[in-house]
C-alpha atoms as a PDB file:
ATOM      1  CA  MET A   1      11.994  12.237 -49.646  1.00  0.00           C
ATOM      2  CA  LEU A   2      12.387  11.320 -53.246  1.00  0.00           C
ATOM      3  CA  THR A   3      15.516   8.590 -53.305  1.00  0.00           C
ATOM      4  CA  ASP A   4      17.043   6.150 -55.208  1.00  0.00           C
ATOM      5  CA  ASP A   5      15.876   2.009 -55.326  1.00  0.00           C
ATOM      6  CA  ARG A   6      19.275   1.477 -53.518  1.00  0.00           C
ATOM      7  CA  ARG A   7      18.839   3.472 -50.477  1.00  0.00           C
ATOM      8  CA  LEU A   8      15.141   2.392 -50.132  1.00  0.00           C
ATOM      9  CA  ARG A   9      15.918  -1.313 -50.380  1.00  0.00           C
ATOM     10  CA  ALA A  10      18.476  -0.745 -47.455  1.00  0.00           C
ATOM     11  CA  LEU A  11      15.850   0.930 -45.182  1.00  0.00           C
ATOM     12  CA  ASN A  12      13.787  -1.598 -45.851  1.00  0.00           C
ATOM     13  CA  ARG A  13      16.111  -4.744 -44.561  1.00  0.00           C
ATOM     14  CA  ARG A  14      16.573  -2.543 -42.219  1.00  0.00           C
ATOM     15  CA  TRP A  15      13.287  -1.531 -40.711  1.00  0.00           C
ATOM     16  CA  ARG A  16      10.960  -4.171 -41.970  1.00  0.00           C
ATOM     17  CA  GLY A  17      13.842  -7.096 -42.712  1.00  0.00           C
ATOM     18  CA  TYR A  18      12.842  -7.129 -46.631  1.00  0.00           C
ATOM     19  CA  ASP A  19      16.071  -7.265 -49.014  1.00  0.00           C
ATOM     20  CA  LYS A  20      14.645  -5.553 -51.789  1.00  0.00           C
ATOM     21  CA  PRO A  21      13.462  -1.797 -52.495  1.00  0.00           C
ATOM     22  CA  THR A  22       9.911  -0.387 -52.477  1.00  0.00           C
ATOM     23  CA  ASN A  23       7.881   2.449 -53.599  1.00  0.00           C
ATOM     24  CA  VAL A  24       7.273   4.348 -49.787  1.00  0.00           C
ATOM     25  CA  LEU A  25       7.995   3.625 -46.234  1.00  0.00           C
ATOM     26  CA  SER A  26       7.170   6.156 -43.570  1.00  0.00           C
ATOM     27  CA  PHE A  27       8.802   6.568 -40.145  1.00  0.00           C
ATOM     28  CA  PRO A  28       6.579   7.645 -37.676  1.00  0.00           C
ATOM     29  CA  THR A  29       7.820  10.304 -34.932  1.00  0.00           C
ATOM     30  CA  ALA A  30       7.646   8.871 -31.822  1.00  0.00           C
ATOM     31  CA  GLY A  31       4.002   8.652 -30.266  1.00  0.00           C
ATOM     32  CA  ALA A  32       2.796  10.642 -33.659  1.00  0.00           C
ATOM     33  CA  ARG A  33       0.210   7.865 -34.573  1.00  0.00           C
ATOM     34  CA  ARG A  34      -3.215   8.953 -33.626  1.00  0.00           C
ATOM     35  CA  GLN A  35      -2.167  11.575 -31.669  1.00  0.00           C
ATOM     36  CA  PHE A  36      -2.462  14.027 -33.981  1.00  0.00           C
ATOM     37  CA  VAL A  37      -3.666  17.106 -31.911  1.00  0.00           C
ATOM     38  CA  PRO A  38      -1.140  20.002 -33.074  1.00  0.00           C
ATOM     39  CA  ALA A  39      -0.605  22.440 -29.778  1.00  0.00           C
ATOM     40  CA  ALA A  40      -2.191  26.157 -31.036  1.00  0.00           C
ATOM     41  CA  GLY A  41      -0.468  27.965 -33.855  1.00  0.00           C
ATOM     42  CA  GLN A  42       2.225  25.164 -33.571  1.00  0.00           C
ATOM     43  CA  PRO A  43       2.969  22.416 -35.972  1.00  0.00           C
ATOM     44  CA  ARG A  44       3.534  18.550 -35.340  1.00  0.00           C
ATOM     45  CA  LEU A  45       6.222  16.755 -37.007  1.00  0.00           C
ATOM     46  CA  LEU A  46       4.759  13.249 -37.638  1.00  0.00           C
ATOM     47  CA  GLY A  47       7.552  11.922 -39.180  1.00  0.00           C
ATOM     48  CA  ASP A  48       9.231  10.748 -42.788  1.00  0.00           C
ATOM     49  CA  VAL A  49       7.834   9.888 -45.399  1.00  0.00           C
ATOM     50  CA  VAL A  50      10.313   8.265 -47.830  1.00  0.00           C
ATOM     51  CA  VAL A  51       9.601   7.882 -51.773  1.00  0.00           C
ATOM     52  CA  GLY A  52      11.444   5.425 -54.010  1.00  0.00           C
ATOM     53  CA  PHE A  53      11.489   7.008 -57.452  1.00  0.00           C
ATOM     54  CA  GLY A  54      12.989   3.512 -59.810  1.00  0.00           C
ATOM     55  CA  VAL A  55       9.976   1.678 -58.096  1.00  0.00           C
ATOM     56  CA  ALA A  56       7.667   4.238 -58.442  1.00  0.00           C
ATOM     57  CA  ALA A  57       8.031   5.206 -61.732  1.00  0.00           C
ATOM     58  CA  ALA A  58       8.292   1.644 -62.826  1.00  0.00           C
ATOM     59  CA  GLU A  59       4.627   1.073 -61.152  1.00  0.00           C
ATOM     60  CA  ALA A  60       3.770   3.755 -62.950  1.00  0.00           C
ATOM     61  CA  ALA A  61       4.774   3.120 -66.671  1.00  0.00           C
ATOM     62  CA  THR A  62       3.050  -0.376 -65.563  1.00  0.00           C
ATOM     63  CA  GLU A  63       0.155   0.620 -64.547  1.00  0.00           C
ATOM     64  CA  GLY A  64      -0.672   3.205 -66.869  1.00  0.00           C
ATOM     65  CA  LYS A  65      -0.406   6.317 -64.763  1.00  0.00           C
ATOM     66  CA  ARG A  66       0.961   9.553 -64.840  1.00  0.00           C
ATOM     67  CA  LEU A  67       4.233   9.954 -62.887  1.00  0.00           C
ATOM     68  CA  PRO A  68       3.061  13.230 -60.981  1.00  0.00           C
ATOM     69  CA  ASP A  69       0.188  11.336 -60.416  1.00  0.00           C
ATOM     70  CA  HIS A  70       1.504   8.287 -58.913  1.00  0.00           C
ATOM     71  CA  LEU A  71       4.078   9.799 -56.386  1.00  0.00           C
ATOM     72  CA  ALA A  72       1.336  12.254 -55.093  1.00  0.00           C
ATOM     73  CA  HIS A  73      -0.426   8.842 -53.900  1.00  0.00           C
ATOM     74  CA  LEU A  74       2.697   7.785 -52.823  1.00  0.00           C
ATOM     75  CA  VAL A  75       3.060  10.922 -50.349  1.00  0.00           C
ATOM     76  CA  VAL A  76      -0.862  10.514 -49.479  1.00  0.00           C
ATOM     77  CA  HIS A  77      -0.312   6.933 -48.880  1.00  0.00           C
ATOM     78  CA  GLY A  78       2.758   7.285 -46.539  1.00  0.00           C
ATOM     79  CA  VAL A  79       1.658  10.237 -44.683  1.00  0.00           C
ATOM     80  CA  LEU A  80      -1.802   8.121 -43.972  1.00  0.00           C
ATOM     81  CA  HIS A  81       0.307   5.410 -42.425  1.00  0.00           C
ATOM     82  CA  LEU A  82       1.773   8.486 -39.874  1.00  0.00           C
ATOM     83  CA  LEU A  83      -1.376   9.406 -39.161  1.00  0.00           C
ATOM     84  CA  GLY A  84      -1.951   5.478 -37.926  1.00  0.00           C
ATOM     85  CA  PHE A  85      -4.118   4.309 -40.206  1.00  0.00           C
ATOM     86  CA  ASP A  86      -3.046   0.667 -41.798  1.00  0.00           C
ATOM     87  CA  HIS A  87      -4.523  -1.583 -44.791  1.00  0.00           C
ATOM     88  CA  ALA A  88      -3.326  -4.722 -42.754  1.00  0.00           C
ATOM     89  CA  ARG A  89      -6.890  -5.978 -42.908  1.00  0.00           C
ATOM     90  CA  ALA A  90      -9.620  -5.497 -45.637  1.00  0.00           C
ATOM     91  CA  GLY A  91     -12.037  -3.065 -43.430  1.00  0.00           C
ATOM     92  CA  GLN A  92      -8.688  -0.933 -42.952  1.00  0.00           C
ATOM     93  CA  ALA A  93      -7.303  -1.455 -46.612  1.00  0.00           C
ATOM     94  CA  ARG A  94     -11.518  -0.528 -47.574  1.00  0.00           C
ATOM     95  CA  ARG A  95     -11.104   3.022 -45.227  1.00  0.00           C
ATOM     96  CA  MET A  96      -7.552   3.795 -46.155  1.00  0.00           C
ATOM     97  CA  GLU A  97      -8.140   3.841 -49.701  1.00  0.00           C
ATOM     98  CA  SER A  98     -11.619   5.731 -49.262  1.00  0.00           C
ATOM     99  CA  LEU A  99      -9.480   8.429 -47.625  1.00  0.00           C
ATOM    100  CA  GLU A 100      -6.602   8.195 -50.316  1.00  0.00           C
ATOM    101  CA  ARG A 101      -9.126   8.709 -53.495  1.00  0.00           C
ATOM    102  CA  ARG A 102     -10.876  11.727 -51.689  1.00  0.00           C
ATOM    103  CA  ILE A 103      -7.800  13.458 -50.482  1.00  0.00           C
ATOM    104  CA  LEU A 104      -6.160  12.663 -54.188  1.00  0.00           C
ATOM    105  CA  ALA A 105      -9.061  13.527 -55.929  1.00  0.00           C
ATOM    106  CA  GLY A 106      -9.196  17.241 -54.056  1.00  0.00           C
ATOM    107  CA  LEU A 107      -5.592  17.602 -56.245  1.00  0.00           C
ATOM    108  CA  GLY A 108      -7.093  16.688 -59.287  1.00  0.00           C
ATOM    109  CA  VAL A 109      -5.552  13.067 -59.052  1.00  0.00           C
ATOM    110  CA  ALA A 110      -6.829   9.991 -60.738  1.00  0.00           C
ATOM    111  CA  ASP A 111      -8.686   7.379 -58.884  1.00  0.00           C
ATOM    112  CA  PRO A 112      -5.334   5.056 -58.247  1.00  0.00           C
ATOM    113  CA  TYR A 113      -7.795   1.727 -57.622  1.00  0.00           C
ATOM    114  CA  ARG A 114      -9.862   1.923 -60.581  1.00  0.00           C
ATOM    115  CA  THR A 115      -9.304  -0.717 -62.460  1.00  0.00           C
ATOM    116  CA  GLY A 116      -8.013  -0.745 -65.962  1.00  0.00           C
ATOM    117  CA  ALA A 117      -7.915   3.046 -65.681  1.00  0.00           C
ATOM    118  CA  ARG A 118      -5.701   5.074 -67.999  1.00  0.00           C
ATOM    119  CA  ASP A 119      -4.821   8.451 -67.199  1.00  0.00           C
ATOM    120  CA  ASP A 120      -3.890  10.029 -70.261  1.00  0.00           C
ATOM    121  CA  ARG A 121      -3.707  13.507 -69.821  1.00  0.00           C
ATOM    122  CA  ALA A 122      -0.293  15.240 -71.056  1.00  0.00           C
END
């Protein structure tokens, strides 16, 4: 879901206790974490990813990133959370960022963690 900052703020306050908008939230379906083994021929619902457009747009502008690339990064980040990945500890963060880089590269999106990088593609 792509929504406005007001909605993201309300969700963040209700589910995480933070009274501010954020860029992305993930809401896993019960039992989905680390158990992603779909039945043969059947899709498996992992959960929901909610992206805050205002925060995402501001971050993209501040960081000199193309908005579509930043939105793609946030969706990938959110889906990895649904799959059970986290970044609370340094080792977890390195693993998750490495996966994000590889997935985004496959989508033609520049490394979002490269410092000082500005992607000037039109």
